[in-house]
Amino acid sequence: QQSNNNLQQYQQGQQGQEQENGQEGQ
């Protein structure tokens, strides 16, 4: 599910995670 060939799928999940976690590095 985290294969580099499934880039779009991962990116969608990443966007949701970033919104949930807040800004990276804090």
mmCIF file of all heavy atoms, coordinates in Angstrom:
data_MODEL
# 
_entry.id   MODEL 
# 
loop_
_atom_site.group_PDB 
_atom_site.id 
_atom_site.type_symbol 
_atom_site.label_atom_id 
_atom_site.label_alt_id 
_atom_site.label_comp_id 
_atom_site.label_asym_id 
_atom_site.label_entity_id 
_atom_site.label_seq_id 
_atom_site.pdbx_PDB_ins_code 
_atom_site.Cartn_x 
_atom_site.Cartn_y 
_atom_site.Cartn_z 
_atom_site.occupancy 
_atom_site.B_iso_or_equiv 
_atom_site.pdbx_formal_charge 
_atom_site.auth_seq_id 
_atom_site.auth_comp_id 
_atom_site.auth_asym_id 
_atom_site.auth_atom_id 
_atom_site.pdbx_PDB_model_num 
ATOM 1   N N   . GLN A 1 1  ? 0.813  -1.213 0.000  1.00 0.00 ? 1  GLN A N   1 
ATOM 2   C CA  . GLN A 1 1  ? 0.000  0.000  0.000  1.00 0.00 ? 1  GLN A CA  1 
ATOM 3   C C   . GLN A 1 1  ? 0.844  1.258  0.000  1.00 0.00 ? 1  GLN A C   1 
ATOM 4   O O   . GLN A 1 1  ? 0.335  2.351  -0.250 1.00 0.00 ? 1  GLN A O   1 
ATOM 5   C CB  . GLN A 1 1  ? -0.958 0.032  1.201  1.00 0.00 ? 1  GLN A CB  1 
ATOM 6   C CG  . GLN A 1 1  ? -0.294 0.160  2.569  1.00 0.00 ? 1  GLN A CG  1 
ATOM 7   C CD  . GLN A 1 1  ? 0.024  -1.193 3.158  1.00 0.00 ? 1  GLN A CD  1 
ATOM 8   O OE1 . GLN A 1 1  ? 0.187  -2.183 2.458  1.00 0.00 ? 1  GLN A OE1 1 
ATOM 9   N NE2 . GLN A 1 1  ? 0.120  -1.239 4.479  1.00 0.00 ? 1  GLN A NE2 1 
ATOM 10  N N   . GLN A 1 2  ? 2.141  1.126  0.301  1.00 0.00 ? 2  GLN A N   1 
ATOM 11  C CA  . GLN A 1 2  ? 3.030  2.265  0.275  1.00 0.00 ? 2  GLN A CA  1 
ATOM 12  C C   . GLN A 1 2  ? 4.028  2.156  -0.863 1.00 0.00 ? 2  GLN A C   1 
ATOM 13  O O   . GLN A 1 2  ? 5.058  2.804  -0.864 1.00 0.00 ? 2  GLN A O   1 
ATOM 14  C CB  . GLN A 1 2  ? 3.765  2.408  1.605  1.00 0.00 ? 2  GLN A CB  1 
ATOM 15  C CG  . GLN A 1 2  ? 2.827  2.734  2.747  1.00 0.00 ? 2  GLN A CG  1 
ATOM 16  C CD  . GLN A 1 2  ? 3.475  2.713  4.083  1.00 0.00 ? 2  GLN A CD  1 
ATOM 17  O OE1 . GLN A 1 2  ? 4.605  2.352  4.203  1.00 0.00 ? 2  GLN A OE1 1 
ATOM 18  N NE2 . GLN A 1 2  ? 2.756  3.108  5.102  1.00 0.00 ? 2  GLN A NE2 1 
ATOM 19  N N   . SER A 1 3  ? 3.726  1.317  -1.828 1.00 0.00 ? 3  SER A N   1 
ATOM 20  C CA  . SER A 1 3  ? 4.577  1.154  -2.998 1.00 0.00 ? 3  SER A CA  1 
ATOM 21  C C   . SER A 1 3  ? 4.720  2.463  -3.731 1.00 0.00 ? 3  SER A C   1 
ATOM 22  O O   . SER A 1 3  ? 3.804  3.258  -3.846 1.00 0.00 ? 3  SER A O   1 
ATOM 23  C CB  . SER A 1 3  ? 4.005  0.094  -3.934 1.00 0.00 ? 3  SER A CB  1 
ATOM 24  O OG  . SER A 1 3  ? 4.646  0.123  -5.193 1.00 0.00 ? 3  SER A OG  1 
ATOM 25  N N   . ASN A 1 4  ? 5.901  2.695  -4.265 1.00 0.00 ? 4  ASN A N   1 
ATOM 26  C CA  . ASN A 1 4  ? 6.139  3.908  -5.024 1.00 0.00 ? 4  ASN A CA  1 
ATOM 27  C C   . ASN A 1 4  ? 5.355  3.956  -6.324 1.00 0.00 ? 4  ASN A C   1 
ATOM 28  O O   . ASN A 1 4  ? 5.196  5.009  -6.923 1.00 0.00 ? 4  ASN A O   1 
ATOM 29  C CB  . ASN A 1 4  ? 7.628  4.034  -5.335 1.00 0.00 ? 4  ASN A CB  1 
ATOM 30  C CG  . ASN A 1 4  ? 8.446  4.111  -4.079 1.00 0.00 ? 4  ASN A CG  1 
ATOM 31  O OD1 . ASN A 1 4  ? 8.068  4.793  -3.154 1.00 0.00 ? 4  ASN A OD1 1 
ATOM 32  N ND2 . ASN A 1 4  ? 9.554  3.403  -4.039 1.00 0.00 ? 4  ASN A ND2 1 
ATOM 33  N N   . ASN A 1 5  ? 4.831  2.818  -6.751 1.00 0.00 ? 5  ASN A N   1 
ATOM 34  C CA  . ASN A 1 5  ? 4.009  2.785  -7.935 1.00 0.00 ? 5  ASN A CA  1 
ATOM 35  C C   . ASN A 1 5  ? 2.589  3.239  -7.657 1.00 0.00 ? 5  ASN A C   1 
ATOM 36  O O   . ASN A 1 5  ? 1.796  3.453  -8.558 1.00 0.00 ? 5  ASN A O   1 
ATOM 37  C CB  . ASN A 1 5  ? 3.992  1.379  -8.539 1.00 0.00 ? 5  ASN A CB  1 
ATOM 38  C CG  . ASN A 1 5  ? 5.359  0.973  -9.056 1.00 0.00 ? 5  ASN A CG  1 
ATOM 39  O OD1 . ASN A 1 5  ? 5.999  1.720  -9.773 1.00 0.00 ? 5  ASN A OD1 1 
ATOM 40  N ND2 . ASN A 1 5  ? 5.801  -0.191 -8.670 1.00 0.00 ? 5  ASN A ND2 1 
ATOM 41  N N   . ASN A 1 6  ? 2.244  3.399  -6.382 1.00 0.00 ? 6  ASN A N   1 
ATOM 42  C CA  . ASN A 1 6  ? 0.932  3.880  -5.985 1.00 0.00 ? 6  ASN A CA  1 
ATOM 43  C C   . ASN A 1 6  ? 1.040  5.282  -5.418 1.00 0.00 ? 6  ASN A C   1 
ATOM 44  O O   . ASN A 1 6  ? 0.526  5.606  -4.361 1.00 0.00 ? 6  ASN A O   1 
ATOM 45  C CB  . ASN A 1 6  ? 0.308  2.937  -4.949 1.00 0.00 ? 6  ASN A CB  1 
ATOM 46  C CG  . ASN A 1 6  ? 0.050  1.564  -5.515 1.00 0.00 ? 6  ASN A CG  1 
ATOM 47  O OD1 . ASN A 1 6  ? -0.247 1.422  -6.707 1.00 0.00 ? 6  ASN A OD1 1 
ATOM 48  N ND2 . ASN A 1 6  ? 0.174  0.544  -4.701 1.00 0.00 ? 6  ASN A ND2 1 
ATOM 49  N N   . LEU A 1 7  ? 1.757  6.143  -6.149 1.00 0.00 ? 7  LEU A N   1 
ATOM 50  C CA  . LEU A 1 7  ? 2.077  7.475  -5.659 1.00 0.00 ? 7  LEU A CA  1 
ATOM 51  C C   . LEU A 1 7  ? 0.837  8.286  -5.339 1.00 0.00 ? 7  LEU A C   1 
ATOM 52  O O   . LEU A 1 7  ? 0.740  8.919  -4.287 1.00 0.00 ? 7  LEU A O   1 
ATOM 53  C CB  . LEU A 1 7  ? 2.937  8.212  -6.686 1.00 0.00 ? 7  LEU A CB  1 
ATOM 54  C CG  . LEU A 1 7  ? 3.296  9.668  -6.374 1.00 0.00 ? 7  LEU A CG  1 
ATOM 55  C CD1 . LEU A 1 7  ? 4.045  9.752  -5.070 1.00 0.00 ? 7  LEU A CD1 1 
ATOM 56  C CD2 . LEU A 1 7  ? 4.126  10.240 -7.514 1.00 0.00 ? 7  LEU A CD2 1 
ATOM 57  N N   . GLN A 1 8  ? -0.145 8.278  -6.241 1.00 0.00 ? 8  GLN A N   1 
ATOM 58  C CA  . GLN A 1 8  ? -1.328 9.098  -6.044 1.00 0.00 ? 8  GLN A CA  1 
ATOM 59  C C   . GLN A 1 8  ? -2.089 8.692  -4.794 1.00 0.00 ? 8  GLN A C   1 
ATOM 60  O O   . GLN A 1 8  ? -2.529 9.527  -4.007 1.00 0.00 ? 8  GLN A O   1 
ATOM 61  C CB  . GLN A 1 8  ? -2.245 9.020  -7.261 1.00 0.00 ? 8  GLN A CB  1 
ATOM 62  C CG  . GLN A 1 8  ? -3.444 9.960  -7.177 1.00 0.00 ? 8  GLN A CG  1 
ATOM 63  C CD  . GLN A 1 8  ? -4.295 9.924  -8.427 1.00 0.00 ? 8  GLN A CD  1 
ATOM 64  O OE1 . GLN A 1 8  ? -4.063 9.121  -9.315 1.00 0.00 ? 8  GLN A OE1 1 
ATOM 65  N NE2 . GLN A 1 8  ? -5.303 10.778 -8.500 1.00 0.00 ? 8  GLN A NE2 1 
ATOM 66  N N   . GLN A 1 9  ? -2.226 7.381  -4.601 1.00 0.00 ? 9  GLN A N   1 
ATOM 67  C CA  . GLN A 1 9  ? -2.926 6.878  -3.430 1.00 0.00 ? 9  GLN A CA  1 
ATOM 68  C C   . GLN A 1 9  ? -2.243 7.336  -2.145 1.00 0.00 ? 9  GLN A C   1 
ATOM 69  O O   . GLN A 1 9  ? -2.892 7.766  -1.187 1.00 0.00 ? 9  GLN A O   1 
ATOM 70  C CB  . GLN A 1 9  ? -2.989 5.353  -3.474 1.00 0.00 ? 9  GLN A CB  1 
ATOM 71  C CG  . GLN A 1 9  ? -3.681 4.729  -2.273 1.00 0.00 ? 9  GLN A CG  1 
ATOM 72  C CD  . GLN A 1 9  ? -3.678 3.217  -2.350 1.00 0.00 ? 9  GLN A CD  1 
ATOM 73  O OE1 . GLN A 1 9  ? -3.289 2.633  -3.349 1.00 0.00 ? 9  GLN A OE1 1 
ATOM 74  N NE2 . GLN A 1 9  ? -4.104 2.572  -1.311 1.00 0.00 ? 9  GLN A NE2 1 
ATOM 75  N N   . TYR A 1 10 ? -0.924 7.271  -2.124 1.00 0.00 ? 10 TYR A N   1 
ATOM 76  C CA  . TYR A 1 10 ? -0.193 7.678  -0.942 1.00 0.00 ? 10 TYR A CA  1 
ATOM 77  C C   . TYR A 1 10 ? -0.326 9.176  -0.684 1.00 0.00 ? 10 TYR A C   1 
ATOM 78  O O   . TYR A 1 10 ? -0.506 9.617  0.446  1.00 0.00 ? 10 TYR A O   1 
ATOM 79  C CB  . TYR A 1 10 ? 1.280  7.308  -1.028 1.00 0.00 ? 10 TYR A CB  1 
ATOM 80  C CG  . TYR A 1 10 ? 2.037  7.793  0.185  1.00 0.00 ? 10 TYR A CG  1 
ATOM 81  C CD1 . TYR A 1 10 ? 1.977  7.105  1.369  1.00 0.00 ? 10 TYR A CD1 1 
ATOM 82  C CD2 . TYR A 1 10 ? 2.736  8.989  0.145  1.00 0.00 ? 10 TYR A CD2 1 
ATOM 83  C CE1 . TYR A 1 10 ? 2.607  7.588  2.500  1.00 0.00 ? 10 TYR A CE1 1 
ATOM 84  C CE2 . TYR A 1 10 ? 3.380  9.465  1.264  1.00 0.00 ? 10 TYR A CE2 1 
ATOM 85  C CZ  . TYR A 1 10 ? 3.306  8.762  2.438  1.00 0.00 ? 10 TYR A CZ  1 
ATOM 86  O OH  . TYR A 1 10 ? 3.925  9.245  3.551  1.00 0.00 ? 10 TYR A OH  1 
ATOM 87  N N   . GLN A 1 11 ? -0.224 9.970  -1.754 1.00 0.00 ? 11 GLN A N   1 
ATOM 88  C CA  . GLN A 1 11 ? -0.296 11.407 -1.608 1.00 0.00 ? 11 GLN A CA  1 
ATOM 89  C C   . GLN A 1 11 ? -1.623 11.848 -0.997 1.00 0.00 ? 11 GLN A C   1 
ATOM 90  O O   . GLN A 1 11 ? -1.677 12.736 -0.164 1.00 0.00 ? 11 GLN A O   1 
ATOM 91  C CB  . GLN A 1 11 ? -0.089 12.095 -2.957 1.00 0.00 ? 11 GLN A CB  1 
ATOM 92  C CG  . GLN A 1 11 ? 1.335  12.017 -3.461 1.00 0.00 ? 11 GLN A CG  1 
ATOM 93  C CD  . GLN A 1 11 ? 1.445  12.402 -4.909 1.00 0.00 ? 11 GLN A CD  1 
ATOM 94  O OE1 . GLN A 1 11 ? 0.470  12.455 -5.619 1.00 0.00 ? 11 GLN A OE1 1 
ATOM 95  N NE2 . GLN A 1 11 ? 2.659  12.661 -5.344 1.00 0.00 ? 11 GLN A NE2 1 
ATOM 96  N N   . GLN A 1 12 ? -2.733 11.206 -1.426 1.00 0.00 ? 12 GLN A N   1 
ATOM 97  C CA  . GLN A 1 12 ? -4.028 11.537 -0.871 1.00 0.00 ? 12 GLN A CA  1 
ATOM 98  C C   . GLN A 1 12 ? -4.068 11.252 0.625  1.00 0.00 ? 12 GLN A C   1 
ATOM 99  O O   . GLN A 1 12 ? -4.565 12.048 1.411  1.00 0.00 ? 12 GLN A O   1 
ATOM 100 C CB  . GLN A 1 12 ? -5.119 10.761 -1.601 1.00 0.00 ? 12 GLN A CB  1 
ATOM 101 C CG  . GLN A 1 12 ? -5.300 11.188 -3.051 1.00 0.00 ? 12 GLN A CG  1 
ATOM 102 C CD  . GLN A 1 12 ? -6.220 10.290 -3.827 1.00 0.00 ? 12 GLN A CD  1 
ATOM 103 O OE1 . GLN A 1 12 ? -6.559 9.201  -3.381 1.00 0.00 ? 12 GLN A OE1 1 
ATOM 104 N NE2 . GLN A 1 12 ? -6.629 10.724 -5.011 1.00 0.00 ? 12 GLN A NE2 1 
ATOM 105 N N   . GLY A 1 13 ? -3.491 10.109 1.017  1.00 0.00 ? 13 GLY A N   1 
ATOM 106 C CA  . GLY A 1 13 ? -3.433 9.781  2.423  1.00 0.00 ? 13 GLY A CA  1 
ATOM 107 C C   . GLY A 1 13 ? -2.526 10.715 3.201  1.00 0.00 ? 13 GLY A C   1 
ATOM 108 O O   . GLY A 1 13 ? -2.800 11.069 4.343  1.00 0.00 ? 13 GLY A O   1 
ATOM 109 N N   . GLN A 1 14 ? -1.422 11.131 2.554  1.00 0.00 ? 14 GLN A N   1 
ATOM 110 C CA  . GLN A 1 14 ? -0.481 12.044 3.167  1.00 0.00 ? 14 GLN A CA  1 
ATOM 111 C C   . GLN A 1 14 ? -1.116 13.397 3.454  1.00 0.00 ? 14 GLN A C   1 
ATOM 112 O O   . GLN A 1 14 ? -0.929 13.985 4.508  1.00 0.00 ? 14 GLN A O   1 
ATOM 113 C CB  . GLN A 1 14 ? 0.760  12.216 2.281  1.00 0.00 ? 14 GLN A CB  1 
ATOM 114 C CG  . GLN A 1 14 ? 1.751  13.268 2.766  1.00 0.00 ? 14 GLN A CG  1 
ATOM 115 C CD  . GLN A 1 14 ? 2.403  12.925 4.074  1.00 0.00 ? 14 GLN A CD  1 
ATOM 116 O OE1 . GLN A 1 14 ? 2.364  11.783 4.475  1.00 0.00 ? 14 GLN A OE1 1 
ATOM 117 N NE2 . GLN A 1 14 ? 2.969  13.887 4.748  1.00 0.00 ? 14 GLN A NE2 1 
ATOM 118 N N   . GLN A 1 15 ? -1.893 13.909 2.512  1.00 0.00 ? 15 GLN A N   1 
ATOM 119 C CA  . GLN A 1 15 ? -2.543 15.194 2.701  1.00 0.00 ? 15 GLN A CA  1 
ATOM 120 C C   . GLN A 1 15 ? -3.460 15.180 3.908  1.00 0.00 ? 15 GLN A C   1 
ATOM 121 O O   . GLN A 1 15 ? -3.475 16.097 4.710  1.00 0.00 ? 15 GLN A O   1 
ATOM 122 C CB  . GLN A 1 15 ? -3.305 15.578 1.439  1.00 0.00 ? 15 GLN A CB  1 
ATOM 123 C CG  . GLN A 1 15 ? -2.397 15.894 0.256  1.00 0.00 ? 15 GLN A CG  1 
ATOM 124 C CD  . GLN A 1 15 ? -3.163 16.048 -1.034 1.00 0.00 ? 15 GLN A CD  1 
ATOM 125 O OE1 . GLN A 1 15 ? -4.375 15.873 -1.076 1.00 0.00 ? 15 GLN A OE1 1 
ATOM 126 N NE2 . GLN A 1 15 ? -2.462 16.362 -2.120 1.00 0.00 ? 15 GLN A NE2 1 
ATOM 127 N N   . GLY A 1 16 ? -4.213 14.095 4.044  1.00 0.00 ? 16 GLY A N   1 
ATOM 128 C CA  . GLY A 1 16 ? -5.101 13.972 5.188  1.00 0.00 ? 16 GLY A CA  1 
ATOM 129 C C   . GLY A 1 16 ? -4.343 13.890 6.494  1.00 0.00 ? 16 GLY A C   1 
ATOM 130 O O   . GLY A 1 16 ? -4.735 14.467 7.510  1.00 0.00 ? 16 GLY A O   1 
ATOM 131 N N   . GLN A 1 17 ? -3.202 13.173 6.479  1.00 0.00 ? 17 GLN A N   1 
ATOM 132 C CA  . GLN A 1 17 ? -2.396 13.027 7.678  1.00 0.00 ? 17 GLN A CA  1 
ATOM 133 C C   . GLN A 1 17 ? -1.777 14.353 8.086  1.00 0.00 ? 17 GLN A C   1 
ATOM 134 O O   . GLN A 1 17 ? -1.704 14.682 9.264  1.00 0.00 ? 17 GLN A O   1 
ATOM 135 C CB  . GLN A 1 17 ? -1.293 11.969 7.457  1.00 0.00 ? 17 GLN A CB  1 
ATOM 136 C CG  . GLN A 1 17 ? -0.526 11.614 8.720  1.00 0.00 ? 17 GLN A CG  1 
ATOM 137 C CD  . GLN A 1 17 ? -1.410 10.933 9.734  1.00 0.00 ? 17 GLN A CD  1 
ATOM 138 O OE1 . GLN A 1 17 ? -2.041 9.922  9.464  1.00 0.00 ? 17 GLN A OE1 1 
ATOM 139 N NE2 . GLN A 1 17 ? -1.464 11.507 10.931 1.00 0.00 ? 17 GLN A NE2 1 
ATOM 140 N N   . GLU A 1 18 ? -1.303 15.142 7.092  1.00 0.00 ? 18 GLU A N   1 
ATOM 141 C CA  . GLU A 1 18 ? -0.715 16.430 7.395  1.00 0.00 ? 18 GLU A CA  1 
ATOM 142 C C   . GLU A 1 18 ? -1.724 17.372 8.043  1.00 0.00 ? 18 GLU A C   1 
ATOM 143 O O   . GLU A 1 18 ? -1.406 18.109 8.961  1.00 0.00 ? 18 GLU A O   1 
ATOM 144 C CB  . GLU A 1 18 ? -0.141 17.050 6.123  1.00 0.00 ? 18 GLU A CB  1 
ATOM 145 C CG  . GLU A 1 18 ? 1.120  16.353 5.627  1.00 0.00 ? 18 GLU A CG  1 
ATOM 146 C CD  . GLU A 1 18 ? 1.597  16.898 4.310  1.00 0.00 ? 18 GLU A CD  1 
ATOM 147 O OE1 . GLU A 1 18 ? 0.852  17.693 3.713  1.00 0.00 ? 18 GLU A OE1 1 
ATOM 148 O OE2 . GLU A 1 18 ? 2.696  16.515 3.868  1.00 0.00 ? 18 GLU A OE2 1 
ATOM 149 N N   . GLN A 1 19 ? -2.975 17.330 7.576  1.00 0.00 ? 19 GLN A N   1 
ATOM 150 C CA  . GLN A 1 19 ? -4.010 18.160 8.159  1.00 0.00 ? 19 GLN A CA  1 
ATOM 151 C C   . GLN A 1 19 ? -4.290 17.741 9.593  1.00 0.00 ? 19 GLN A C   1 
ATOM 152 O O   . GLN A 1 19 ? -4.540 18.557 10.468 1.00 0.00 ? 19 GLN A O   1 
ATOM 153 C CB  . GLN A 1 19 ? -5.278 18.082 7.324  1.00 0.00 ? 19 GLN A CB  1 
ATOM 154 C CG  . GLN A 1 19 ? -5.130 18.707 5.938  1.00 0.00 ? 19 GLN A CG  1 
ATOM 155 C CD  . GLN A 1 19 ? -6.336 18.497 5.063  1.00 0.00 ? 19 GLN A CD  1 
ATOM 156 O OE1 . GLN A 1 19 ? -7.288 17.837 5.457  1.00 0.00 ? 19 GLN A OE1 1 
ATOM 157 N NE2 . GLN A 1 19 ? -6.330 19.046 3.857  1.00 0.00 ? 19 GLN A NE2 1 
ATOM 158 N N   . GLU A 1 20 ? -4.214 16.452 9.828  1.00 0.00 ? 20 GLU A N   1 
ATOM 159 C CA  . GLU A 1 20 ? -4.481 15.926 11.166 1.00 0.00 ? 20 GLU A CA  1 
ATOM 160 C C   . GLU A 1 20 ? -3.355 16.260 12.130 1.00 0.00 ? 20 GLU A C   1 
ATOM 161 O O   . GLU A 1 20 ? -3.584 16.639 13.286 1.00 0.00 ? 20 GLU A O   1 
ATOM 162 C CB  . GLU A 1 20 ? -4.648 14.408 11.086 1.00 0.00 ? 20 GLU A CB  1 
ATOM 163 C CG  . GLU A 1 20 ? -4.935 13.746 12.423 1.00 0.00 ? 20 GLU A CG  1 
ATOM 164 C CD  . GLU A 1 20 ? -5.069 12.243 12.279 1.00 0.00 ? 20 GLU A CD  1 
ATOM 165 O OE1 . GLU A 1 20 ? -5.442 11.778 11.198 1.00 0.00 ? 20 GLU A OE1 1 
ATOM 166 O OE2 . GLU A 1 20 ? -4.797 11.524 13.260 1.00 0.00 ? 20 GLU A OE2 1 
ATOM 167 N N   . ASN A 1 21 ? -2.089 16.152 11.659 1.00 0.00 ? 21 ASN A N   1 
ATOM 168 C CA  . ASN A 1 21 ? -0.948 16.324 12.539 1.00 0.00 ? 21 ASN A CA  1 
ATOM 169 C C   . ASN A 1 21 ? -0.522 17.772 12.713 1.00 0.00 ? 21 ASN A C   1 
ATOM 170 O O   . ASN A 1 21 ? 0.159  18.110 13.660 1.00 0.00 ? 21 ASN A O   1 
ATOM 171 C CB  . ASN A 1 21 ? 0.261  15.519 12.013 1.00 0.00 ? 21 ASN A CB  1 
ATOM 172 C CG  . ASN A 1 21 ? 0.082  14.039 12.205 1.00 0.00 ? 21 ASN A CG  1 
ATOM 173 O OD1 . ASN A 1 21 ? -0.756 13.608 12.983 1.00 0.00 ? 21 ASN A OD1 1 
ATOM 174 N ND2 . ASN A 1 21 ? 0.881  13.256 11.502 1.00 0.00 ? 21 ASN A ND2 1 
ATOM 175 N N   . GLY A 1 22 ? -0.875 18.636 11.793 1.00 0.00 ? 22 GLY A N   1 
ATOM 176 C CA  . GLY A 1 22 ? -0.376 19.999 11.847 1.00 0.00 ? 22 GLY A CA  1 
ATOM 177 C C   . GLY A 1 22 ? 0.925  20.121 11.105 1.00 0.00 ? 22 GLY A C   1 
ATOM 178 O O   . GLY A 1 22 ? 1.371  19.229 10.420 1.00 0.00 ? 22 GLY A O   1 
ATOM 179 N N   . GLN A 1 23 ? 1.586  21.266 11.247 1.00 0.00 ? 23 GLN A N   1 
ATOM 180 C CA  . GLN A 1 23 ? 2.789  21.548 10.506 1.00 0.00 ? 23 GLN A CA  1 
ATOM 181 C C   . GLN A 1 23 ? 3.934  20.658 10.942 1.00 0.00 ? 23 GLN A C   1 
ATOM 182 O O   . GLN A 1 23 ? 4.205  20.466 12.114 1.00 0.00 ? 23 GLN A O   1 
ATOM 183 C CB  . GLN A 1 23 ? 3.184  23.014 10.672 1.00 0.00 ? 23 GLN A CB  1 
ATOM 184 C CG  . GLN A 1 23 ? 4.346  23.442 9.798  1.00 0.00 ? 23 GLN A CG  1 
ATOM 185 C CD  . GLN A 1 23 ? 4.654  24.898 9.945  1.00 0.00 ? 23 GLN A CD  1 
ATOM 186 O OE1 . GLN A 1 23 ? 3.982  25.605 10.688 1.00 0.00 ? 23 GLN A OE1 1 
ATOM 187 N NE2 . GLN A 1 23 ? 5.680  25.368 9.250  1.00 0.00 ? 23 GLN A NE2 1 
ATOM 188 N N   . GLU A 1 24 ? 4.662  20.135 9.942  1.00 0.00 ? 24 GLU A N   1 
ATOM 189 C CA  . GLU A 1 24 ? 5.798  19.264 10.201 1.00 0.00 ? 24 GLU A CA  1 
ATOM 190 C C   . GLU A 1 24 ? 6.900  20.017 10.927 1.00 0.00 ? 24 GLU A C   1 
ATOM 191 O O   . GLU A 1 24 ? 7.189  21.172 10.658 1.00 0.00 ? 24 GLU A O   1 
ATOM 192 C CB  . GLU A 1 24 ? 6.336  18.749 8.859  1.00 0.00 ? 24 GLU A CB  1 
ATOM 193 C CG  . GLU A 1 24 ? 7.007  17.451 8.910  1.00 0.00 ? 24 GLU A CG  1 
ATOM 194 C CD  . GLU A 1 24 ? 7.380  16.945 7.543  1.00 0.00 ? 24 GLU A CD  1 
ATOM 195 O OE1 . GLU A 1 24 ? 8.232  17.518 6.933  1.00 0.00 ? 24 GLU A OE1 1 
ATOM 196 O OE2 . GLU A 1 24 ? 6.833  15.992 7.087  1.00 0.00 ? 24 GLU A OE2 1 
ATOM 197 N N   . GLY A 1 25 ? 7.506  19.334 11.894 1.00 0.00 ? 25 GLY A N   1 
ATOM 198 C CA  . GLY A 1 25 ? 8.648  19.904 12.591 1.00 0.00 ? 25 GLY A CA  1 
ATOM 199 C C   . GLY A 1 25 ? 8.319  20.546 13.923 1.00 0.00 ? 25 GLY A C   1 
ATOM 200 O O   . GLY A 1 25 ? 9.220  20.895 14.674 1.00 0.00 ? 25 GLY A O   1 
ATOM 201 N N   . GLN A 1 26 ? 7.073  20.763 14.254 1.00 0.00 ? 26 GLN A N   1 
ATOM 202 C CA  . GLN A 1 26 ? 6.706  21.341 15.524 1.00 0.00 ? 26 GLN A CA  1 
ATOM 203 C C   . GLN A 1 26 ? 6.803  20.313 16.639 1.00 0.00 ? 26 GLN A C   1 
ATOM 204 O O   . GLN A 1 26 ? 6.633  19.123 16.425 1.00 0.00 ? 26 GLN A O   1 
ATOM 205 C CB  . GLN A 1 26 ? 5.294  21.912 15.470 1.00 0.00 ? 26 GLN A CB  1 
ATOM 206 C CG  . GLN A 1 26 ? 5.155  23.114 14.566 1.00 0.00 ? 26 GLN A CG  1 
ATOM 207 C CD  . GLN A 1 26 ? 3.779  23.705 14.602 1.00 0.00 ? 26 GLN A CD  1 
ATOM 208 O OE1 . GLN A 1 26 ? 2.864  23.134 15.174 1.00 0.00 ? 26 GLN A OE1 1 
ATOM 209 N NE2 . GLN A 1 26 ? 3.603  24.864 13.998 1.00 0.00 ? 26 GLN A NE2 1 
# 
